[in-house]
PDB file of N, CA and C in Angstrom:
ATOM      1  N   UNK A   1     125.946 202.452  84.272  1.00  0.00           N
ATOM      2  CA  UNK A   1     124.717 202.377  85.028  1.00  0.00           C
ATOM      3  C   UNK A   1     123.551 202.912  84.192  1.00  0.00           C
ATOM      4  N   UNK A   2     122.433 202.276  84.346  1.00  0.00           N
ATOM      5  CA  UNK A   2     121.237 202.728  83.647  1.00  0.00           C
ATOM      6  C   UNK A   2     120.550 203.798  84.476  1.00  0.00           C
ATOM      7  N   UNK A   3     119.979 204.778  83.808  1.00  0.00           N
ATOM      8  CA  UNK A   3     119.331 205.879  84.517  1.00  0.00           C
ATOM      9  C   UNK A   3     117.869 205.607  84.849  1.00  0.00           C
ATOM     10  N   UNK A   4     117.291 204.558  84.290  1.00  0.00           N
ATOM     11  CA  UNK A   4     115.878 204.285  84.528  1.00  0.00           C
ATOM     12  C   UNK A   4     115.645 203.322  85.696  1.00  0.00           C
ATOM     13  N   UNK A   5     116.645 203.106  86.511  1.00  0.00           N
ATOM     14  CA  UNK A   5     116.492 202.260  87.687  1.00  0.00           C
ATOM     15  C   UNK A   5     115.642 202.969  88.737  1.00  0.00           C
ATOM     16  N   UNK A   6     114.886 202.204  89.458  1.00  0.00           N
ATOM     17  CA  UNK A   6     114.057 202.753  90.531  1.00  0.00           C
ATOM     18  C   UNK A   6     114.906 202.853  91.788  1.00  0.00           C
ATOM     19  N   UNK A   7     114.906 204.019  92.398  1.00  0.00           N
ATOM     20  CA  UNK A   7     115.705 204.205  93.605  1.00  0.00           C
ATOM     21  C   UNK A   7     114.887 203.813  94.834  1.00  0.00           C
ATOM     22  N   UNK A   8     115.587 203.671  95.924  1.00  0.00           N
ATOM     23  CA  UNK A   8     114.936 203.340  97.195  1.00  0.00           C
ATOM     24  C   UNK A   8     114.000 204.465  97.608  1.00  0.00           C
ATOM     25  N   UNK A   9     114.415 205.682  97.344  1.00  0.00           N
ATOM     26  CA  UNK A   9     113.575 206.838  97.668  1.00  0.00           C
ATOM     27  C   UNK A   9     112.263 206.808  96.875  1.00  0.00           C
ATOM     28  N   UNK A  10     112.327 206.403  95.605  1.00  0.00           N
ATOM     29  CA  UNK A  10     111.117 206.289  94.782  1.00  0.00           C
ATOM     30  C   UNK A  10     110.152 205.250  95.346  1.00  0.00           C
ATOM     31  N   UNK A  11     110.697 204.134  95.794  1.00  0.00           N
ATOM     32  CA  UNK A  11     109.852 203.088  96.389  1.00  0.00           C
ATOM     33  C   UNK A  11     109.180 203.611  97.649  1.00  0.00           C
ATOM     34  N   UNK A  12     109.951 204.280  98.490  1.00  0.00           N
ATOM     35  CA  UNK A  12     109.408 204.830  99.732  1.00  0.00           C
ATOM     36  C   UNK A  12     108.306 205.853  99.446  1.00  0.00           C
ATOM     37  N   UNK A  13     108.538 206.749  98.507  1.00  0.00           N
ATOM     38  CA  UNK A  13     107.533 207.756  98.165  1.00  0.00           C
ATOM     39  C   UNK A  13     106.292 207.125  97.546  1.00  0.00           C
ATOM     40  N   UNK A  14     106.480 206.081  96.759  1.00  0.00           N
ATOM     41  CA  UNK A  14     105.341 205.394  96.153  1.00  0.00           C
ATOM     42  C   UNK A  14     104.484 204.721  97.215  1.00  0.00           C
ATOM     43  N   UNK A  15     105.109 204.112  98.195  1.00  0.00           N
ATOM     44  CA  UNK A  15     104.342 203.496  99.287  1.00  0.00           C
ATOM     45  C   UNK A  15     103.519 204.545 100.036  1.00  0.00           C
ATOM     46  N   UNK A  16     104.103 205.705 100.291  1.00  0.00           N
ATOM     47  CA  UNK A  16     103.367 206.769 100.976  1.00  0.00           C
ATOM     48  C   UNK A  16     102.228 207.296 100.110  1.00  0.00           C
ATOM     49  N   UNK A  17     102.466 207.441  98.807  1.00  0.00           N
ATOM     50  CA  UNK A  17     101.394 207.912  97.911  1.00  0.00           C
ATOM     51  C   UNK A  17     100.250 206.910  97.848  1.00  0.00           C
ATOM     52  N   UNK A  18     100.578 205.622  97.809  1.00  0.00           N
ATOM     53  CA  UNK A  18      99.537 204.592  97.786  1.00  0.00           C
ATOM     54  C   UNK A  18      98.714 204.623  99.078  1.00  0.00           C
ATOM     55  N   UNK A  19      99.385 204.800 100.198  1.00  0.00           N
ATOM     56  CA  UNK A  19      98.689 204.887 101.489  1.00  0.00           C
ATOM     57  C   UNK A  19      97.758 206.095 101.512  1.00  0.00           C
ATOM     58  N   UNK A  20      98.261 207.251 101.073  1.00  0.00           N
ATOM     59  CA  UNK A  20      97.440 208.461 101.049  1.00  0.00           C
ATOM     60  C   UNK A  20      96.274 208.336 100.078  1.00  0.00           C
ATOM     61  N   UNK A  21      96.514 207.694  98.935  1.00  0.00           N
ATOM     62  CA  UNK A  21      95.456 207.475  97.949  1.00  0.00           C
ATOM     63  C   UNK A  21      94.348 206.608  98.531  1.00  0.00           C
ATOM     64  N   UNK A  22      94.718 205.564  99.253  1.00  0.00           N
ATOM     65  CA  UNK A  22      93.717 204.676  99.851  1.00  0.00           C
ATOM     66  C   UNK A  22      92.929 205.399 100.942  1.00  0.00           C
ATOM     67  N   UNK A  23      93.593 206.238 101.707  1.00  0.00           N
ATOM     68  CA  UNK A  23      92.906 207.018 102.733  1.00  0.00           C
ATOM     69  C   UNK A  23      91.916 207.996 102.101  1.00  0.00           C
ATOM     70  N   UNK A  24      92.313 208.644 101.014  1.00  0.00           N
ATOM     71  CA  UNK A  24      91.420 209.564 100.307  1.00  0.00           C
ATOM     72  C   UNK A  24      90.211 208.820  99.753  1.00  0.00           C
ATOM     73  N   UNK A  25      90.450 207.656  99.167  1.00  0.00           N
ATOM     74  CA  UNK A  25      89.334 206.878  98.624  1.00  0.00           C
ATOM     75  C   UNK A  25      88.399 206.395  99.721  1.00  0.00           C
ATOM     76  N   UNK A  26      88.944 206.055 100.878  1.00  0.00           N
ATOM     77  CA  UNK A  26      88.099 205.638 101.999  1.00  0.00           C
ATOM     78  C   UNK A  26      87.111 206.738 102.349  1.00  0.00           C
ATOM     79  N   UNK A  27      87.585 207.969 102.450  1.00  0.00           N
ATOM     80  CA  UNK A  27      86.697 209.073 102.798  1.00  0.00           C
ATOM     81  C   UNK A  27      85.713 209.380 101.680  1.00  0.00           C
ATOM     82  N   UNK A  28      86.151 209.309 100.428  1.00  0.00           N
ATOM     83  CA  UNK A  28      85.245 209.575  99.318  1.00  0.00           C
ATOM     84  C   UNK A  28      84.132 208.543  99.259  1.00  0.00           C
ATOM     85  N   UNK A  29      84.468 207.282  99.442  1.00  0.00           N
ATOM     86  CA  UNK A  29      83.446 206.226  99.439  1.00  0.00           C
ATOM     87  C   UNK A  29      82.487 206.404 100.608  1.00  0.00           C
ATOM     88  N   UNK A  30      83.021 206.739 101.753  1.00  0.00           N
ATOM     89  CA  UNK A  30      82.165 206.910 102.925  1.00  0.00           C
ATOM     90  C   UNK A  30      81.173 208.050 102.734  1.00  0.00           C
ATOM     91  N   UNK A  31      81.640 209.166 102.215  1.00  0.00           N
ATOM     92  CA  UNK A  31      80.747 210.311 101.989  1.00  0.00           C
ATOM     93  C   UNK A  31      79.710 209.970 100.930  1.00  0.00           C
ATOM     94  N   UNK A  32      80.126 209.301  99.870  1.00  0.00           N
ATOM     95  CA  UNK A  32      79.221 208.919  98.790  1.00  0.00           C
ATOM     96  C   UNK A  32      78.112 208.000  99.297  1.00  0.00           C
ATOM     97  N   UNK A  33      78.480 206.959 100.036  1.00  0.00           N
ATOM     98  CA  UNK A  33      77.470 206.028 100.536  1.00  0.00           C
ATOM     99  C   UNK A  33      76.638 206.620 101.657  1.00  0.00           C
ATOM    100  N   UNK A  34      77.210 207.518 102.436  1.00  0.00           N
ATOM    101  CA  UNK A  34      76.437 208.189 103.482  1.00  0.00           C
ATOM    102  C   UNK A  34      75.315 209.018 102.869  1.00  0.00           C
ATOM    103  N   UNK A  35      75.579 209.651 101.741  1.00  0.00           N
ATOM    104  CA  UNK A  35      74.534 210.430 101.066  1.00  0.00           C
ATOM    105  C   UNK A  35      73.379 209.525 100.655  1.00  0.00           C
ATOM    106  N   UNK A  36      73.671 208.347 100.123  1.00  0.00           N
ATOM    107  CA  UNK A  36      72.604 207.423  99.751  1.00  0.00           C
ATOM    108  C   UNK A  36      71.851 206.906 100.970  1.00  0.00           C
ATOM    109  N   UNK A  37      72.561 206.644 102.056  1.00  0.00           N
ATOM    110  CA  UNK A  37      71.890 206.188 103.270  1.00  0.00           C
ATOM    111  C   UNK A  37      70.977 207.258 103.847  1.00  0.00           C
ATOM    112  N   UNK A  38      71.426 208.499 103.812  1.00  0.00           N
ATOM    113  CA  UNK A  38      70.582 209.604 104.288  1.00  0.00           C
ATOM    114  C   UNK A  38      69.335 209.729 103.423  1.00  0.00           C
ATOM    115  N   UNK A  39      69.500 209.577 102.119  1.00  0.00           N
ATOM    116  CA  UNK A  39      68.331 209.613 101.232  1.00  0.00           C
ATOM    117  C   UNK A  39      67.362 208.471 101.524  1.00  0.00           C
ATOM    118  N   UNK A  40      67.887 207.285 101.776  1.00  0.00           N
ATOM    119  CA  UNK A  40      67.021 206.145 102.099  1.00  0.00           C
ATOM    120  C   UNK A  40      66.261 206.374 103.401  1.00  0.00           C
ATOM    121  N   UNK A  41      66.956 206.856 104.435  1.00  0.00           N
ATOM    122  CA  UNK A  41      66.286 207.117 105.706  1.00  0.00           C
ATOM    123  C   UNK A  41      65.249 208.226 105.574  1.00  0.00           C
ATOM    124  N   UNK A  42      65.577 209.268 104.840  1.00  0.00           N
ATOM    125  CA  UNK A  42      64.634 210.368 104.645  1.00  0.00           C
ATOM    126  C   UNK A  42      63.383 209.882 103.913  1.00  0.00           C
ATOM    127  N   UNK A  43      63.587 209.110 102.852  1.00  0.00           N
ATOM    128  CA  UNK A  43      62.441 208.580 102.101  1.00  0.00           C
ATOM    129  C   UNK A  43      61.621 207.630 102.968  1.00  0.00           C
ATOM    130  N   UNK A  44      62.278 206.826 103.773  1.00  0.00           N
ATOM    131  CA  UNK A  44      61.561 205.885 104.630  1.00  0.00           C
ATOM    132  C   UNK A  44      60.707 206.616 105.662  1.00  0.00           C
ATOM    133  N   UNK A  45      61.257 207.636 106.293  1.00  0.00           N
ATOM    134  CA  UNK A  45      60.473 208.353 107.301  1.00  0.00           C
ATOM    135  C   UNK A  45      59.392 209.227 106.667  1.00  0.00           C
ATOM    136  N   UNK A  46      59.627 209.724 105.470  1.00  0.00           N
ATOM    137  CA  UNK A  46      58.556 210.427 104.753  1.00  0.00           C
ATOM    138  C   UNK A  46      57.433 209.450 104.422  1.00  0.00           C
ATOM    139  N   UNK A  47      57.796 208.236 104.057  1.00  0.00           N
ATOM    140  CA  UNK A  47      56.800 207.207 103.774  1.00  0.00           C
ATOM    141  C   UNK A  47      56.033 206.830 105.039  1.00  0.00           C
ATOM    142  N   UNK A  48      56.711 206.762 106.173  1.00  0.00           N
ATOM    143  CA  UNK A  48      56.022 206.470 107.431  1.00  0.00           C
ATOM    144  C   UNK A  48      54.998 207.549 107.783  1.00  0.00           C
ATOM    145  N   UNK A  49      55.345 208.802 107.533  1.00  0.00           N
ATOM    146  CA  UNK A  49      54.374 209.864 107.804  1.00  0.00           C
ATOM    147  C   UNK A  49      53.189 209.769 106.845  1.00  0.00           C
ATOM    148  N   UNK A  50      53.439 209.341 105.607  1.00  0.00           N
ATOM    149  CA  UNK A  50      52.348 209.145 104.637  1.00  0.00           C
ATOM    150  C   UNK A  50      51.462 207.981 105.076  1.00  0.00           C
ATOM    151  N   UNK A  51      52.079 206.930 105.614  1.00  0.00           N
ATOM    152  CA  UNK A  51      51.299 205.791 106.116  1.00  0.00           C
ATOM    153  C   UNK A  51      50.421 206.228 107.283  1.00  0.00           C
ATOM    154  N   UNK A  52      50.960 207.083 108.154  1.00  0.00           N
ATOM    155  CA  UNK A  52      50.176 207.569 109.291  1.00  0.00           C
ATOM    156  C   UNK A  52      48.992 208.403 108.826  1.00  0.00           C
ATOM    157  N   UNK A  53      49.133 209.146 107.732  1.00  0.00           N
ATOM    158  CA  UNK A  53      48.030 209.946 107.197  1.00  0.00           C
ATOM    159  C   UNK A  53      46.963 209.076 106.541  1.00  0.00           C
ATOM    160  N   UNK A  54      47.362 208.044 105.851  1.00  0.00           N
ATOM    161  CA  UNK A  54      46.446 207.197 105.067  1.00  0.00           C
ATOM    162  C   UNK A  54      46.083 205.912 105.814  1.00  0.00           C
ATOM    163  N   UNK A  55      46.037 205.947 107.107  1.00  0.00           N
ATOM    164  CA  UNK A  55      45.820 204.747 107.913  1.00  0.00           C
ATOM    165  C   UNK A  55      44.490 204.063 107.618  1.00  0.00           C
ATOM    166  N   UNK A  56      43.481 204.786 107.255  1.00  0.00           N
ATOM    167  CA  UNK A  56      42.138 204.227 107.034  1.00  0.00           C
ATOM    168  C   UNK A  56      41.995 203.553 105.671  1.00  0.00           C
ATOM    169  N   UNK A  57      42.777 203.959 104.689  1.00  0.00           N
ATOM    170  CA  UNK A  57      42.663 203.408 103.335  1.00  0.00           C
ATOM    171  C   UNK A  57      43.547 202.174 103.217  1.00  0.00           C
ATOM    172  N   UNK A  58      42.919 201.001 103.223  1.00  0.00           N
ATOM    173  CA  UNK A  58      43.670 199.736 103.271  1.00  0.00           C
ATOM    174  C   UNK A  58      44.398 199.425 101.970  1.00  0.00           C
ATOM    175  N   UNK A  59      43.845 199.793 100.816  1.00  0.00           N
ATOM    176  CA  UNK A  59      44.502 199.450  99.554  1.00  0.00           C
ATOM    177  C   UNK A  59      45.799 200.251  99.358  1.00  0.00           C
ATOM    178  N   UNK A  60      45.788 201.516  99.734  1.00  0.00           N
ATOM    179  CA  UNK A  60      46.998 202.342  99.627  1.00  0.00           C
ATOM    180  C   UNK A  60      47.991 201.934 100.706  1.00  0.00           C
ATOM    181  N   UNK A  61      47.497 201.526 101.851  1.00  0.00           N
ATOM    182  CA  UNK A  61      48.363 201.141 102.962  1.00  0.00           C
ATOM    183  C   UNK A  61      49.253 199.951 102.589  1.00  0.00           C
ATOM    184  N   UNK A  62      48.701 198.987 101.888  1.00  0.00           N
ATOM    185  CA  UNK A  62      49.488 197.823 101.466  1.00  0.00           C
ATOM    186  C   UNK A  62      50.597 198.249 100.509  1.00  0.00           C
ATOM    187  N   UNK A  63      50.272 199.102  99.553  1.00  0.00           N
ATOM    188  CA  UNK A  63      51.270 199.589  98.606  1.00  0.00           C
ATOM    189  C   UNK A  63      52.378 200.382  99.313  1.00  0.00           C
ATOM    190  N   UNK A  64      51.977 201.239 100.255  1.00  0.00           N
ATOM    191  CA  UNK A  64      52.974 202.017 100.987  1.00  0.00           C
ATOM    192  C   UNK A  64      53.878 201.122 101.839  1.00  0.00           C
ATOM    193  N   UNK A  65      53.310 200.057 102.404  1.00  0.00           N
ATOM    194  CA  UNK A  65      54.134 199.121 103.177  1.00  0.00           C
ATOM    195  C   UNK A  65      55.129 198.377 102.292  1.00  0.00           C
ATOM    196  N   UNK A  66      54.713 197.994 101.091  1.00  0.00           N
ATOM    197  CA  UNK A  66      55.625 197.321 100.169  1.00  0.00           C
ATOM    198  C   UNK A  66      56.770 198.256  99.789  1.00  0.00           C
ATOM    199  N   UNK A  67      56.457 199.519  99.506  1.00  0.00           N
ATOM    200  CA  UNK A  67      57.497 200.501  99.192  1.00  0.00           C
ATOM    201  C   UNK A  67      58.426 200.692 100.392  1.00  0.00           C
ATOM    202  N   UNK A  68      57.871 200.690 101.586  1.00  0.00           N
ATOM    203  CA  UNK A  68      58.686 200.812 102.799  1.00  0.00           C
ATOM    204  C   UNK A  68      59.644 199.647 102.967  1.00  0.00           C
ATOM    205  N   UNK A  69      59.174 198.428 102.704  1.00  0.00           N
ATOM    206  CA  UNK A  69      60.057 197.263 102.771  1.00  0.00           C
ATOM    207  C   UNK A  69      61.181 197.363 101.739  1.00  0.00           C
ATOM    208  N   UNK A  70      60.827 197.807 100.539  1.00  0.00           N
ATOM    209  CA  UNK A  70      61.849 197.947  99.498  1.00  0.00           C
ATOM    210  C   UNK A  70      62.890 198.992  99.895  1.00  0.00           C
ATOM    211  N   UNK A  71      62.449 200.102 100.464  1.00  0.00           N
ATOM    212  CA  UNK A  71      63.394 201.122 100.921  1.00  0.00           C
ATOM    213  C   UNK A  71      64.296 200.602 102.031  1.00  0.00           C
ATOM    214  N   UNK A  72      63.745 199.815 102.939  1.00  0.00           N
ATOM    215  CA  UNK A  72      64.574 199.277 104.026  1.00  0.00           C
ATOM    216  C   UNK A  72      65.580 198.262 103.499  1.00  0.00           C
ATOM    217  N   UNK A  73      65.206 197.494 102.490  1.00  0.00           N
ATOM    218  CA  UNK A  73      66.145 196.542 101.896  1.00  0.00           C
ATOM    219  C   UNK A  73      67.262 197.289 101.175  1.00  0.00           C
ATOM    220  N   UNK A  74      66.911 198.330 100.431  1.00  0.00           N
ATOM    221  CA  UNK A  74      67.929 199.136  99.747  1.00  0.00           C
ATOM    222  C   UNK A  74      68.872 199.780 100.769  1.00  0.00           C
ATOM    223  N   UNK A  75      68.324 200.293 101.853  1.00  0.00           N
ATOM    224  CA  UNK A  75      69.147 200.876 102.917  1.00  0.00           C
ATOM    225  C   UNK A  75      70.079 199.852 103.544  1.00  0.00           C
ATOM    226  N   UNK A  76      69.580 198.629 103.742  1.00  0.00           N
ATOM    227  CA  UNK A  76      70.422 197.570 104.305  1.00  0.00           C
ATOM    228  C   UNK A  76      71.555 197.210 103.341  1.00  0.00           C
ATOM    229  N   UNK A  77      71.257 197.164 102.049  1.00  0.00           N
ATOM    230  CA  UNK A  77      72.292 196.855 101.056  1.00  0.00           C
ATOM    231  C   UNK A  77      73.363 197.938 101.048  1.00  0.00           C
ATOM    232  N   UNK A  78      72.951 199.211 101.067  1.00  0.00           N
ATOM    233  CA  UNK A  78      73.937 200.297 101.105  1.00  0.00           C
ATOM    234  C   UNK A  78      74.749 200.265 102.402  1.00  0.00           C
ATOM    235  N   UNK A  79      74.128 199.881 103.499  1.00  0.00           N
ATOM    236  CA  UNK A  79      74.861 199.770 104.765  1.00  0.00           C
ATOM    237  C   UNK A  79      75.915 198.679 104.696  1.00  0.00           C
ATOM    238  N   UNK A  80      75.559 197.556 104.093  1.00  0.00           N
ATOM    239  CA  UNK A  80      76.528 196.461 103.938  1.00  0.00           C
ATOM    240  C   UNK A  80      77.672 196.897 103.029  1.00  0.00           C
ATOM    241  N   UNK A  81      77.341 197.583 101.911  1.00  0.00           N
ATOM    242  CA  UNK A  81      78.397 198.106 101.035  1.00  0.00           C
ATOM    243  C   UNK A  81      79.323 199.043 101.791  1.00  0.00           C
ATOM    244  N   UNK A  82      78.746 199.907 102.615  1.00  0.00           N
ATOM    245  CA  UNK A  82      79.523 200.886 103.358  1.00  0.00           C
ATOM    246  C   UNK A  82      80.504 200.188 104.302  1.00  0.00           C
ATOM    247  N   UNK A  83      80.008 199.179 105.015  1.00  0.00           N
ATOM    248  CA  UNK A  83      80.852 198.446 105.959  1.00  0.00           C
ATOM    249  C   UNK A  83      81.949 197.678 105.226  1.00  0.00           C
ATOM    250  N   UNK A  84      81.576 196.970 104.157  1.00  0.00           N
ATOM    251  CA  UNK A  84      82.562 196.166 103.420  1.00  0.00           C
ATOM    252  C   UNK A  84      83.626 197.033 102.754  1.00  0.00           C
ATOM    253  N   UNK A  85      83.218 198.142 102.149  1.00  0.00           N
ATOM    254  CA  UNK A  85      84.206 199.024 101.519  1.00  0.00           C
ATOM    255  C   UNK A  85      85.116 199.663 102.552  1.00  0.00           C
ATOM    256  N   UNK A  86      84.559 200.019 103.693  1.00  0.00           N
ATOM    257  CA  UNK A  86      85.393 200.583 104.754  1.00  0.00           C
ATOM    258  C   UNK A  86      86.408 199.585 105.268  1.00  0.00           C
ATOM    259  N   UNK A  87      85.977 198.343 105.455  1.00  0.00           N
ATOM    260  CA  UNK A  87      86.904 197.317 105.927  1.00  0.00           C
ATOM    261  C   UNK A  87      87.976 197.010 104.885  1.00  0.00           C
ATOM    262  N   UNK A  88      87.588 196.972 103.609  1.00  0.00           N
ATOM    263  CA  UNK A  88      88.560 196.722 102.548  1.00  0.00           C
ATOM    264  C   UNK A  88      89.597 197.826 102.451  1.00  0.00           C
ATOM    265  N   UNK A  89      89.135 199.077 102.513  1.00  0.00           N
ATOM    266  CA  UNK A  89      90.064 200.205 102.464  1.00  0.00           C
ATOM    267  C   UNK A  89      90.990 200.211 103.668  1.00  0.00           C
ATOM    268  N   UNK A  90      90.440 199.904 104.824  1.00  0.00           N
ATOM    269  CA  UNK A  90      91.265 199.884 106.035  1.00  0.00           C
ATOM    270  C   UNK A  90      92.310 198.775 105.950  1.00  0.00           C
ATOM    271  N   UNK A  91      91.943 197.644 105.381  1.00  0.00           N
ATOM    272  CA  UNK A  91      92.904 196.548 105.244  1.00  0.00           C
ATOM    273  C   UNK A  91      94.058 196.958 104.328  1.00  0.00           C
ATOM    274  N   UNK A  92      93.756 197.585 103.193  1.00  0.00           N
ATOM    275  CA  UNK A  92      94.823 198.030 102.299  1.00  0.00           C
ATOM    276  C   UNK A  92      95.648 199.142 102.928  1.00  0.00           C
ATOM    277  N   UNK A  93      94.992 200.013 103.659  1.00  0.00           N
ATOM    278  CA  UNK A  93      95.684 201.095 104.366  1.00  0.00           C
ATOM    279  C   UNK A  93      96.697 200.508 105.347  1.00  0.00           C
ATOM    280  N   UNK A  94      96.285 199.487 106.088  1.00  0.00           N
ATOM    281  CA  UNK A  94      97.182 198.845 107.053  1.00  0.00           C
ATOM    282  C   UNK A  94      98.308 198.083 106.355  1.00  0.00           C
ATOM    283  N   UNK A  95      98.034 197.512 105.175  1.00  0.00           N
ATOM    284  CA  UNK A  95      99.090 196.825 104.418  1.00  0.00           C
ATOM    285  C   UNK A  95     100.164 197.825 104.010  1.00  0.00           C
ATOM    286  N   UNK A  96      99.739 198.988 103.513  1.00  0.00           N
ATOM    287  CA  UNK A  96     100.717 200.001 103.112  1.00  0.00           C
ATOM    288  C   UNK A  96     101.495 200.528 104.315  1.00  0.00           C
ATOM    289  N   UNK A  97     100.822 200.722 105.439  1.00  0.00           N
ATOM    290  CA  UNK A  97     101.533 201.176 106.633  1.00  0.00           C
ATOM    291  C   UNK A  97     102.544 200.139 107.114  1.00  0.00           C
ATOM    292  N   UNK A  98     102.173 198.862 107.051  1.00  0.00           N
ATOM    293  CA  UNK A  98     103.114 197.809 107.458  1.00  0.00           C
ATOM    294  C   UNK A  98     104.316 197.768 106.517  1.00  0.00           C
ATOM    295  N   UNK A  99     104.072 197.945 105.220  1.00  0.00           N
ATOM    296  CA  UNK A  99     105.180 197.952 104.257  1.00  0.00           C
ATOM    297  C   UNK A  99     106.103 199.139 104.501  1.00  0.00           C
ATOM    298  N   UNK A 100     105.518 200.296 104.785  1.00  0.00           N
ATOM    299  CA  UNK A 100     106.331 201.488 105.079  1.00  0.00           C
ATOM    300  C   UNK A 100     107.132 201.283 106.353  1.00  0.00           C
ATOM    301  N   UNK A 101     106.495 200.718 107.368  1.00  0.00           N
ATOM    302  CA  UNK A 101     107.183 200.473 108.637  1.00  0.00           C
ATOM    303  C   UNK A 101     108.344 199.506 108.439  1.00  0.00           C
ATOM    304  N   UNK A 102     108.119 198.414 107.725  1.00  0.00           N
ATOM    305  CA  UNK A 102     109.193 197.455 107.471  1.00  0.00           C
ATOM    306  C   UNK A 102     110.310 198.086 106.643  1.00  0.00           C
ATOM    307  N   UNK A 103     109.933 198.893 105.690  1.00  0.00           N
ATOM    308  CA  UNK A 103     110.914 199.550 104.833  1.00  0.00           C
ATOM    309  C   UNK A 103     111.770 200.519 105.631  1.00  0.00           C
ATOM    310  N   UNK A 104     111.136 201.307 106.499  1.00  0.00           N
ATOM    311  CA  UNK A 104     111.864 202.309 107.275  1.00  0.00           C
ATOM    312  C   UNK A 104     112.688 201.694 108.394  1.00  0.00           C
ATOM    313  N   UNK A 105     112.271 200.541 108.896  1.00  0.00           N
ATOM    314  CA  UNK A 105     113.019 199.912 109.984  1.00  0.00           C
ATOM    315  C   UNK A 105     114.148 199.018 109.484  1.00  0.00           C
ATOM    316  N   UNK A 106     114.195 198.777 108.196  1.00  0.00           N
ATOM    317  CA  UNK A 106     115.262 197.972 107.631  1.00  0.00           C
ATOM    318  C   UNK A 106     116.544 198.809 107.610  1.00  0.00           C
ATOM    319  N   UNK A 107     117.566 198.335 108.303  1.00  0.00           N
ATOM    320  CA  UNK A 107     118.808 199.103 108.430  1.00  0.00           C
ATOM    321  C   UNK A 107     119.529 199.273 107.102  1.00  0.00           C
ATOM    322  N   UNK A 108     119.254 198.394 106.163  1.00  0.00           N
ATOM    323  CA  UNK A 108     119.918 198.483 104.874  1.00  0.00           C
ATOM    324  C   UNK A 108     119.412 199.697 104.074  1.00  0.00           C
ATOM    325  N   UNK A 109     118.178 200.119 104.322  1.00  0.00           N
ATOM    326  CA  UNK A 109     117.575 201.196 103.537  1.00  0.00           C
ATOM    327  C   UNK A 109     117.491 202.535 104.257  1.00  0.00           C
ATOM    328  N   UNK A 110     117.622 202.542 105.547  1.00  0.00           N
ATOM    329  CA  UNK A 110     117.461 203.808 106.258  1.00  0.00           C
ATOM    330  C   UNK A 110     118.567 203.994 107.286  1.00  0.00           C
ATOM    331  N   UNK A 111     118.819 205.232 107.577  1.00  0.00           N
ATOM    332  CA  UNK A 111     119.830 205.547 108.585  1.00  0.00           C
ATOM    333  C   UNK A 111     119.187 205.471 109.968  1.00  0.00           C
ATOM    334  N   UNK A 112     119.998 205.526 110.979  1.00  0.00           N
ATOM    335  CA  UNK A 112     119.485 205.465 112.346  1.00  0.00           C
ATOM    336  C   UNK A 112     118.614 206.668 112.668  1.00  0.00           C
ATOM    337  N   UNK A 113     118.958 207.825 112.149  1.00  0.00           N
ATOM    338  CA  UNK A 113     118.159 209.031 112.410  1.00  0.00           C
ATOM    339  C   UNK A 113     116.776 208.879 111.798  1.00  0.00           C
ATOM    340  N   UNK A 114     116.709 208.389 110.570  1.00  0.00           N
ATOM    341  CA  UNK A 114     115.405 208.175 109.929  1.00  0.00           C
ATOM    342  C   UNK A 114     114.606 207.131 110.695  1.00  0.00           C
ATOM    343  N   UNK A 115     115.260 206.096 111.193  1.00  0.00           N
ATOM    344  CA  UNK A 115     114.582 205.072 111.969  1.00  0.00           C
ATOM    345  C   UNK A 115     113.976 205.662 113.240  1.00  0.00           C
ATOM    346  N   UNK A 116     114.741 206.483 113.938  1.00  0.00           N
ATOM    347  CA  UNK A 116     114.249 207.081 115.179  1.00  0.00           C
ATOM    348  C   UNK A 116     113.079 208.034 114.916  1.00  0.00           C
ATOM    349  N   UNK A 117     113.123 208.765 113.830  1.00  0.00           N
ATOM    350  CA  UNK A 117     112.036 209.698 113.510  1.00  0.00           C
ATOM    351  C   UNK A 117     110.787 208.947 113.080  1.00  0.00           C
ATOM    352  N   UNK A 118     110.922 207.984 112.185  1.00  0.00           N
ATOM    353  CA  UNK A 118     109.772 207.317 111.593  1.00  0.00           C
ATOM    354  C   UNK A 118     109.185 206.235 112.493  1.00  0.00           C
ATOM    355  N   UNK A 119     109.979 205.608 113.309  1.00  0.00           N
ATOM    356  CA  UNK A 119     109.472 204.538 114.166  1.00  0.00           C
ATOM    357  C   UNK A 119     108.482 205.080 115.198  1.00  0.00           C
ATOM    358  N   UNK A 120     108.634 206.344 115.567  1.00  0.00           N
ATOM    359  CA  UNK A 120     107.718 206.908 116.553  1.00  0.00           C
ATOM    360  C   UNK A 120     106.314 207.103 115.995  1.00  0.00           C
ATOM    361  N   UNK A 121     106.149 207.072 114.690  1.00  0.00           N
ATOM    362  CA  UNK A 121     104.820 207.238 114.087  1.00  0.00           C
ATOM    363  C   UNK A 121     103.932 206.015 114.309  1.00  0.00           C
ATOM    364  N   UNK A 122     104.524 204.857 114.483  1.00  0.00           N
ATOM    365  CA  UNK A 122     103.752 203.625 114.508  1.00  0.00           C
ATOM    366  C   UNK A 122     103.628 203.000 115.894  1.00  0.00           C
ATOM    367  N   UNK A 123     104.396 203.478 116.846  1.00  0.00           N
ATOM    368  CA  UNK A 123     104.357 202.844 118.164  1.00  0.00           C
ATOM    369  C   UNK A 123     103.920 203.820 119.209  1.00  0.00           C
TER     370      UNK A 123
END
């Protein structure tokens, strides 16, 4: 027998590590993009207060409105990134959970005790 064969236990642990890794990345991406969204909203509302102060000066008002539109577009782009990355991470997370569930429910790979313990996690 060769010693470099992958065991069933290694496959099971790898699936769990991949699931945990995807969950960690989901939270890291969410926090990262939330910081940019907060910065965009803060800059936009600071710009709105500047527009309220400079209401009489028409030449500056046009420039401030253009900057406001650009900030709102950047905020919309970051919001779309946030939603798409969250959905992508959730899809991979669910793929790993389905693989773990199928692996644990397969009678060839797990005992009845392991099935009873692990099956309760998903139902």
